Amino acid sequence: MKKNKWILFVAVTTAGVLFVTSCAKDDESAGGNDRDKFLGAWITTSTGSVSGTLNFTMNITAGSSSPTQIKIENFDAEGSGLFRFADVGGNALSITQQSISGDTISGSGTYNSNNTLSFTYTIRDGQTVENRTATAHK
């Protein structure tokens, strides 16, 4: 009789552990959710010594090449339909050097605790190199 109770105890305990494990939330740190806070339309102001102050709206959507990629439309007022790509990790993003319409841009950005984005980047147009900063909010 003691043996049957022991087997029943082990079976119930194992079933309970399996149930709790199967209901546990999956680890979402694989990258896909870090970028969610960056997505949307952002009202942006950028400043630099050559182009002065620019005000524009950029749209950020999820990129398709990896779960950490974002696609930024109209970055630095480049125009609708023109995209820059960045990779997100935590609250940081990195814009690898990309050339579009003769401009090469590279830089970085941060998602801030007050729901804003801050960027520092460099634009090279073949003749001029300009260091710019930008702040964006939804």
N, C-alpha and C. Protein backbone atom coordinates (compact mmCIF):
# COMPACT_ATOMS: atom_id res chain seq x y z
N MET A 1 0.81 -1.18 0.00
CA MET A 1 0.00 0.00 0.00
C MET A 1 0.87 1.27 0.00
N LYS A 2 1.96 1.25 0.82
CA LYS A 2 2.85 2.40 0.86
C LYS A 2 3.49 2.63 -0.49
N LYS A 3 3.79 1.54 -1.22
CA LYS A 3 4.41 1.64 -2.54
C LYS A 3 3.46 2.32 -3.52
N ASN A 4 2.18 1.99 -3.49
CA ASN A 4 1.20 2.60 -4.39
C ASN A 4 1.03 4.10 -4.10
N LYS A 5 1.04 4.48 -2.81
CA LYS A 5 0.94 5.89 -2.45
C LYS A 5 2.17 6.65 -2.95
N TRP A 6 3.33 6.03 -2.82
CA TRP A 6 4.57 6.66 -3.29
C TRP A 6 4.53 6.86 -4.81
N ILE A 7 4.07 5.88 -5.54
CA ILE A 7 3.98 5.99 -7.00
C ILE A 7 2.98 7.08 -7.37
N LEU A 8 1.85 7.11 -6.68
CA LEU A 8 0.84 8.14 -6.93
C LEU A 8 1.43 9.53 -6.64
N PHE A 9 2.16 9.68 -5.53
CA PHE A 9 2.78 10.95 -5.17
C PHE A 9 3.76 11.41 -6.26
N VAL A 10 4.61 10.51 -6.72
CA VAL A 10 5.58 10.84 -7.77
C VAL A 10 4.86 11.22 -9.06
N ALA A 11 3.82 10.51 -9.43
CA ALA A 11 3.07 10.78 -10.66
C ALA A 11 2.41 12.16 -10.59
N VAL A 12 1.76 12.48 -9.49
CA VAL A 12 1.09 13.77 -9.34
C VAL A 12 2.11 14.91 -9.33
N THR A 13 3.22 14.74 -8.63
CA THR A 13 4.26 15.76 -8.58
C THR A 13 4.85 16.01 -9.97
N THR A 14 5.13 14.95 -10.71
CA THR A 14 5.68 15.08 -12.07
C THR A 14 4.69 15.79 -12.98
N ALA A 15 3.41 15.41 -12.89
CA ALA A 15 2.38 16.06 -13.71
C ALA A 15 2.29 17.55 -13.39
N GLY A 16 2.39 17.89 -12.11
CA GLY A 16 2.34 19.30 -11.71
C GLY A 16 3.51 20.09 -12.25
N VAL A 17 4.69 19.52 -12.18
CA VAL A 17 5.88 20.19 -12.72
C VAL A 17 5.75 20.39 -14.22
N LEU A 18 5.29 19.38 -14.93
CA LEU A 18 5.11 19.49 -16.38
C LEU A 18 4.07 20.55 -16.72
N PHE A 19 3.00 20.64 -15.97
CA PHE A 19 1.95 21.63 -16.22
C PHE A 19 2.49 23.04 -16.01
N VAL A 20 3.17 23.28 -14.91
CA VAL A 20 3.72 24.61 -14.63
C VAL A 20 4.75 24.99 -15.66
N THR A 21 5.60 24.07 -16.06
CA THR A 21 6.63 24.35 -17.06
C THR A 21 6.00 24.69 -18.41
N SER A 22 4.96 23.98 -18.79
CA SER A 22 4.33 24.23 -20.09
C SER A 22 3.58 25.55 -20.11
N CYS A 23 3.16 26.06 -18.94
CA CYS A 23 2.44 27.32 -18.88
C CYS A 23 3.36 28.52 -18.65
N ALA A 24 4.63 28.28 -18.40
CA ALA A 24 5.56 29.39 -18.14
C ALA A 24 5.73 30.21 -19.40
N LYS A 25 5.88 31.52 -19.21
CA LYS A 25 6.07 32.43 -20.33
C LYS A 25 7.40 32.14 -21.01
N ASP A 26 7.39 32.12 -22.35
CA ASP A 26 8.62 31.89 -23.10
C ASP A 26 9.56 33.07 -22.92
N ASP A 27 10.84 32.81 -23.00
CA ASP A 27 11.85 33.86 -22.94
C ASP A 27 11.78 34.68 -24.21
N GLU A 28 11.49 35.98 -24.08
CA GLU A 28 11.33 36.83 -25.25
C GLU A 28 12.57 37.68 -25.52
N SER A 29 13.68 37.32 -24.91
CA SER A 29 14.88 38.12 -25.09
C SER A 29 15.63 37.76 -26.36
N ALA A 30 15.01 36.99 -27.24
CA ALA A 30 15.69 36.60 -28.47
C ALA A 30 15.77 37.74 -29.47
N GLY A 31 15.27 38.92 -29.14
CA GLY A 31 15.47 40.06 -30.01
C GLY A 31 14.21 40.61 -30.63
N GLY A 32 13.22 39.81 -30.90
CA GLY A 32 12.03 40.28 -31.60
C GLY A 32 11.28 41.36 -30.86
N ASN A 33 11.27 41.36 -29.55
CA ASN A 33 10.49 42.33 -28.81
C ASN A 33 11.25 43.61 -28.49
N ASP A 34 12.56 43.61 -28.51
CA ASP A 34 13.32 44.83 -28.25
C ASP A 34 12.95 45.90 -29.26
N ARG A 35 12.70 45.53 -30.48
CA ARG A 35 12.44 46.54 -31.51
C ARG A 35 11.04 47.11 -31.45
N ASP A 36 10.10 46.45 -30.77
CA ASP A 36 8.71 46.91 -30.77
C ASP A 36 8.58 48.35 -30.29
N LYS A 37 9.36 48.76 -29.31
CA LYS A 37 9.25 50.12 -28.79
C LYS A 37 9.71 51.17 -29.80
N PHE A 38 10.48 50.76 -30.81
CA PHE A 38 10.95 51.69 -31.83
C PHE A 38 9.94 51.90 -32.96
N LEU A 39 8.98 51.00 -33.10
CA LEU A 39 8.06 51.02 -34.23
C LEU A 39 7.05 52.14 -34.11
N GLY A 40 6.69 52.74 -35.26
CA GLY A 40 5.67 53.77 -35.29
C GLY A 40 6.14 55.01 -36.02
N ALA A 41 5.29 56.04 -35.98
CA ALA A 41 5.61 57.33 -36.60
C ALA A 41 6.23 58.23 -35.54
N TRP A 42 7.35 58.84 -35.87
CA TRP A 42 8.11 59.68 -34.94
C TRP A 42 8.27 61.08 -35.51
N ILE A 43 7.90 62.09 -34.75
CA ILE A 43 8.11 63.49 -35.13
C ILE A 43 9.52 63.84 -34.69
N THR A 44 10.32 64.29 -35.64
CA THR A 44 11.76 64.37 -35.41
C THR A 44 12.32 65.75 -35.76
N THR A 45 13.29 66.18 -35.00
CA THR A 45 14.07 67.38 -35.28
C THR A 45 15.54 66.99 -35.28
N SER A 46 16.24 67.32 -36.37
CA SER A 46 17.68 67.06 -36.43
C SER A 46 18.41 68.38 -36.63
N THR A 47 19.65 68.42 -36.13
CA THR A 47 20.46 69.62 -36.27
C THR A 47 21.87 69.25 -36.69
N GLY A 48 22.47 70.16 -37.46
CA GLY A 48 23.84 69.99 -37.91
C GLY A 48 24.37 71.31 -38.41
N SER A 49 25.68 71.40 -38.59
CA SER A 49 26.31 72.67 -38.96
C SER A 49 26.13 73.02 -40.44
N VAL A 50 25.89 72.04 -41.29
CA VAL A 50 25.78 72.31 -42.72
C VAL A 50 24.32 72.50 -43.13
N SER A 51 23.47 71.55 -42.81
CA SER A 51 22.07 71.60 -43.24
C SER A 51 21.16 72.33 -42.26
N GLY A 52 21.68 72.74 -41.12
CA GLY A 52 20.86 73.44 -40.14
C GLY A 52 19.87 72.51 -39.46
N THR A 53 18.71 73.06 -39.11
CA THR A 53 17.68 72.30 -38.42
C THR A 53 16.66 71.77 -39.42
N LEU A 54 16.33 70.50 -39.29
CA LEU A 54 15.31 69.86 -40.13
C LEU A 54 14.23 69.29 -39.23
N ASN A 55 12.98 69.48 -39.62
CA ASN A 55 11.84 68.89 -38.92
C ASN A 55 11.14 67.95 -39.89
N PHE A 56 10.88 66.73 -39.45
CA PHE A 56 10.29 65.74 -40.32
C PHE A 56 9.66 64.63 -39.50
N THR A 57 8.84 63.82 -40.16
CA THR A 57 8.27 62.63 -39.54
C THR A 57 8.91 61.43 -40.20
N MET A 58 9.43 60.53 -39.39
CA MET A 58 9.96 59.28 -39.93
C MET A 58 9.09 58.13 -39.42
N ASN A 59 8.97 57.11 -40.24
CA ASN A 59 8.18 55.93 -39.89
C ASN A 59 9.12 54.75 -39.73
N ILE A 60 8.98 54.07 -38.61
CA ILE A 60 9.82 52.90 -38.34
C ILE A 60 8.94 51.66 -38.33
N THR A 61 9.34 50.69 -39.15
CA THR A 61 8.64 49.41 -39.22
C THR A 61 9.65 48.29 -38.98
N ALA A 62 9.13 47.09 -38.76
CA ALA A 62 9.99 45.93 -38.54
C ALA A 62 10.67 45.55 -39.85
N GLY A 63 11.95 45.30 -39.79
CA GLY A 63 12.68 44.81 -40.96
C GLY A 63 12.40 43.33 -41.14
N SER A 64 12.72 42.82 -42.31
CA SER A 64 12.40 41.42 -42.60
C SER A 64 13.61 40.50 -42.59
N SER A 65 14.83 41.04 -42.49
CA SER A 65 15.99 40.15 -42.59
C SER A 65 16.39 39.52 -41.26
N SER A 66 15.94 40.11 -40.13
CA SER A 66 16.23 39.51 -38.82
C SER A 66 15.25 40.06 -37.80
N PRO A 67 15.08 39.38 -36.67
CA PRO A 67 14.14 39.86 -35.65
C PRO A 67 14.63 41.10 -34.92
N THR A 68 15.86 41.55 -35.18
CA THR A 68 16.37 42.76 -34.54
C THR A 68 16.44 43.95 -35.49
N GLN A 69 16.07 43.75 -36.75
CA GLN A 69 16.19 44.82 -37.74
C GLN A 69 14.96 45.73 -37.76
N ILE A 70 15.21 47.04 -37.88
CA ILE A 70 14.14 48.00 -38.13
C ILE A 70 14.42 48.70 -39.45
N LYS A 71 13.35 49.20 -40.05
CA LYS A 71 13.41 49.90 -41.33
C LYS A 71 12.88 51.31 -41.10
N ILE A 72 13.73 52.30 -41.33
CA ILE A 72 13.39 53.70 -41.04
C ILE A 72 13.14 54.43 -42.36
N GLU A 73 11.91 54.89 -42.54
CA GLU A 73 11.56 55.64 -43.75
C GLU A 73 11.68 57.14 -43.46
N ASN A 74 12.27 57.87 -44.38
CA ASN A 74 12.43 59.32 -44.30
C ASN A 74 13.39 59.75 -43.20
N PHE A 75 14.43 58.95 -42.97
CA PHE A 75 15.43 59.32 -41.97
C PHE A 75 16.12 60.60 -42.42
N ASP A 76 16.25 61.56 -41.54
CA ASP A 76 16.85 62.87 -41.82
C ASP A 76 16.21 63.56 -43.02
N ALA A 77 14.90 63.41 -43.14
CA ALA A 77 14.11 64.06 -44.20
C ALA A 77 14.58 63.70 -45.60
N GLU A 78 15.03 62.45 -45.78
CA GLU A 78 15.51 62.01 -47.10
C GLU A 78 14.38 61.83 -48.11
N GLY A 79 13.17 61.61 -47.63
CA GLY A 79 12.03 61.48 -48.52
C GLY A 79 11.25 60.20 -48.30
N SER A 80 9.99 60.28 -48.64
CA SER A 80 9.10 59.13 -48.54
C SER A 80 9.56 58.05 -49.50
N GLY A 81 9.55 56.82 -49.06
CA GLY A 81 9.97 55.71 -49.90
C GLY A 81 11.46 55.41 -49.85
N LEU A 82 12.24 56.22 -49.11
CA LEU A 82 13.66 55.96 -48.93
C LEU A 82 13.87 55.44 -47.51
N PHE A 83 14.62 54.35 -47.40
CA PHE A 83 14.75 53.64 -46.13
C PHE A 83 16.20 53.50 -45.70
N ARG A 84 16.41 53.60 -44.39
CA ARG A 84 17.66 53.24 -43.72
C ARG A 84 17.34 52.06 -42.84
N PHE A 85 18.29 51.17 -42.69
CA PHE A 85 18.10 49.99 -41.86
C PHE A 85 18.99 50.09 -40.63
N ALA A 86 18.48 49.61 -39.51
CA ALA A 86 19.24 49.61 -38.26
C ALA A 86 18.98 48.31 -37.53
N ASP A 87 19.88 47.96 -36.64
CA ASP A 87 19.72 46.78 -35.79
C ASP A 87 19.55 47.25 -34.36
N VAL A 88 18.60 46.60 -33.67
CA VAL A 88 18.23 46.98 -32.31
C VAL A 88 18.72 45.93 -31.32
N GLY A 89 19.21 46.38 -30.19
CA GLY A 89 19.58 45.52 -29.08
C GLY A 89 19.27 46.26 -27.79
N GLY A 90 18.28 45.82 -27.05
CA GLY A 90 17.87 46.54 -25.85
C GLY A 90 17.30 47.89 -26.22
N ASN A 91 17.86 48.97 -25.68
CA ASN A 91 17.42 50.33 -25.99
C ASN A 91 18.31 51.02 -27.01
N ALA A 92 19.26 50.30 -27.58
CA ALA A 92 20.20 50.91 -28.53
C ALA A 92 19.93 50.43 -29.95
N LEU A 93 20.26 51.28 -30.90
CA LEU A 93 20.20 50.88 -32.30
C LEU A 93 21.47 51.32 -33.00
N SER A 94 21.82 50.59 -34.04
CA SER A 94 23.02 50.89 -34.80
C SER A 94 22.66 50.98 -36.28
N ILE A 95 23.01 52.11 -36.87
CA ILE A 95 22.79 52.31 -38.31
C ILE A 95 24.13 52.06 -38.98
N THR A 96 24.24 50.92 -39.65
CA THR A 96 25.48 50.63 -40.35
C THR A 96 25.57 51.50 -41.59
N GLN A 97 26.78 51.75 -42.04
CA GLN A 97 26.99 52.63 -43.19
C GLN A 97 26.19 52.16 -44.39
N GLN A 98 25.35 53.06 -44.91
CA GLN A 98 24.51 52.77 -46.07
C GLN A 98 24.50 53.98 -46.98
N SER A 99 24.51 53.74 -48.29
CA SER A 99 24.45 54.83 -49.25
C SER A 99 23.13 54.81 -50.00
N ILE A 100 22.49 55.98 -50.04
CA ILE A 100 21.25 56.15 -50.79
C ILE A 100 21.31 57.53 -51.44
N SER A 101 21.05 57.59 -52.72
CA SER A 101 21.01 58.86 -53.46
C SER A 101 22.25 59.71 -53.23
N GLY A 102 23.41 59.09 -53.17
CA GLY A 102 24.66 59.81 -53.02
C GLY A 102 25.05 60.17 -51.59
N ASP A 103 24.15 59.94 -50.63
CA ASP A 103 24.46 60.22 -49.23
C ASP A 103 24.78 58.92 -48.50
N THR A 104 25.88 58.93 -47.76
CA THR A 104 26.25 57.80 -46.92
C THR A 104 26.00 58.21 -45.48
N ILE A 105 25.20 57.41 -44.77
CA ILE A 105 24.88 57.70 -43.38
C ILE A 105 25.26 56.51 -42.52
N SER A 106 25.85 56.82 -41.36
CA SER A 106 26.10 55.80 -40.33
C SER A 106 25.95 56.48 -38.98
N GLY A 107 25.55 55.70 -37.98
CA GLY A 107 25.39 56.30 -36.66
C GLY A 107 24.74 55.36 -35.67
N SER A 108 24.23 55.94 -34.61
CA SER A 108 23.61 55.15 -33.56
C SER A 108 22.46 55.93 -32.95
N GLY A 109 21.66 55.21 -32.17
CA GLY A 109 20.52 55.85 -31.52
C GLY A 109 20.17 55.13 -30.23
N THR A 110 19.32 55.78 -29.44
CA THR A 110 18.91 55.24 -28.16
C THR A 110 17.44 55.51 -27.93
N TYR A 111 16.74 54.50 -27.41
CA TYR A 111 15.38 54.68 -26.93
C TYR A 111 15.49 55.11 -25.48
N ASN A 112 14.95 56.27 -25.15
CA ASN A 112 15.09 56.85 -23.81
C ASN A 112 13.88 56.52 -22.94
N SER A 113 14.05 56.63 -21.63
CA SER A 113 13.00 56.27 -20.69
C SER A 113 11.77 57.18 -20.80
N ASN A 114 11.90 58.35 -21.40
CA ASN A 114 10.75 59.25 -21.57
C ASN A 114 10.08 59.06 -22.94
N ASN A 115 10.24 57.89 -23.54
CA ASN A 115 9.63 57.52 -24.83
C ASN A 115 10.06 58.44 -25.97
N THR A 116 11.33 58.79 -25.98
CA THR A 116 11.90 59.54 -27.10
C THR A 116 13.06 58.75 -27.68
N LEU A 117 13.46 59.12 -28.87
CA LEU A 117 14.64 58.55 -29.51
C LEU A 117 15.68 59.65 -29.65
N SER A 118 16.94 59.30 -29.45
CA SER A 118 18.05 60.22 -29.66
C SER A 118 19.01 59.57 -30.65
N PHE A 119 19.48 60.35 -31.61
CA PHE A 119 20.39 59.85 -32.63
C PHE A 119 21.62 60.73 -32.72
N THR A 120 22.76 60.13 -33.03
CA THR A 120 23.95 60.83 -33.49
C THR A 120 24.40 60.09 -34.74
N TYR A 121 24.69 60.84 -35.80
CA TYR A 121 25.06 60.20 -37.06
C TYR A 121 25.88 61.15 -37.93
N THR A 122 26.50 60.54 -38.92
CA THR A 122 27.33 61.28 -39.85
C THR A 122 26.78 61.08 -41.26
N ILE A 123 26.68 62.19 -42.01
CA ILE A 123 26.25 62.14 -43.41
C ILE A 123 27.42 62.60 -44.27
N ARG A 124 27.73 61.79 -45.27
CA ARG A 124 28.77 62.13 -46.25
C ARG A 124 28.11 62.17 -47.62
N ASP A 125 28.26 63.29 -48.33
CA ASP A 125 27.66 63.39 -49.66
C ASP A 125 28.70 63.36 -50.78
N GLY A 126 29.92 62.99 -50.46
CA GLY A 126 30.99 62.97 -51.46
C GLY A 126 31.86 64.21 -51.41
N GLN A 127 31.31 65.31 -50.89
CA GLN A 127 32.08 66.55 -50.76
C GLN A 127 32.12 67.03 -49.31
N THR A 128 31.04 66.86 -48.61
CA THR A 128 30.91 67.38 -47.25
C THR A 128 30.64 66.25 -46.27
N VAL A 129 31.22 66.38 -45.09
CA VAL A 129 30.94 65.46 -44.00
C VAL A 129 30.24 66.27 -42.92
N GLU A 130 29.06 65.84 -42.52
CA GLU A 130 28.30 66.55 -41.50
C GLU A 130 27.93 65.62 -40.36
N ASN A 131 28.24 66.05 -39.14
CA ASN A 131 27.81 65.33 -37.95
C ASN A 131 26.50 65.94 -37.48
N ARG A 132 25.49 65.08 -37.25
CA ARG A 132 24.17 65.56 -36.89
C ARG A 132 23.66 64.85 -35.65
N THR A 133 22.74 65.49 -34.97
CA THR A 133 22.02 64.87 -33.86
C THR A 133 20.54 65.04 -34.12
N ALA A 134 19.75 64.15 -33.55
CA ALA A 134 18.29 64.22 -33.74
C ALA A 134 17.60 63.70 -32.49
N THR A 135 16.40 64.24 -32.27
CA THR A 135 15.52 63.77 -31.21
C THR A 135 14.15 63.55 -31.81
N ALA A 136 13.52 62.45 -31.41
CA ALA A 136 12.20 62.10 -31.97
C ALA A 136 11.24 61.72 -30.85
N HIS A 137 9.95 62.03 -31.06
CA HIS A 137 8.91 61.62 -30.13
C HIS A 137 7.67 61.22 -30.92
N LYS A 138 6.83 60.40 -30.29
CA LYS A 138 5.59 59.96 -30.95
C LYS A 138 4.49 60.95 -30.71
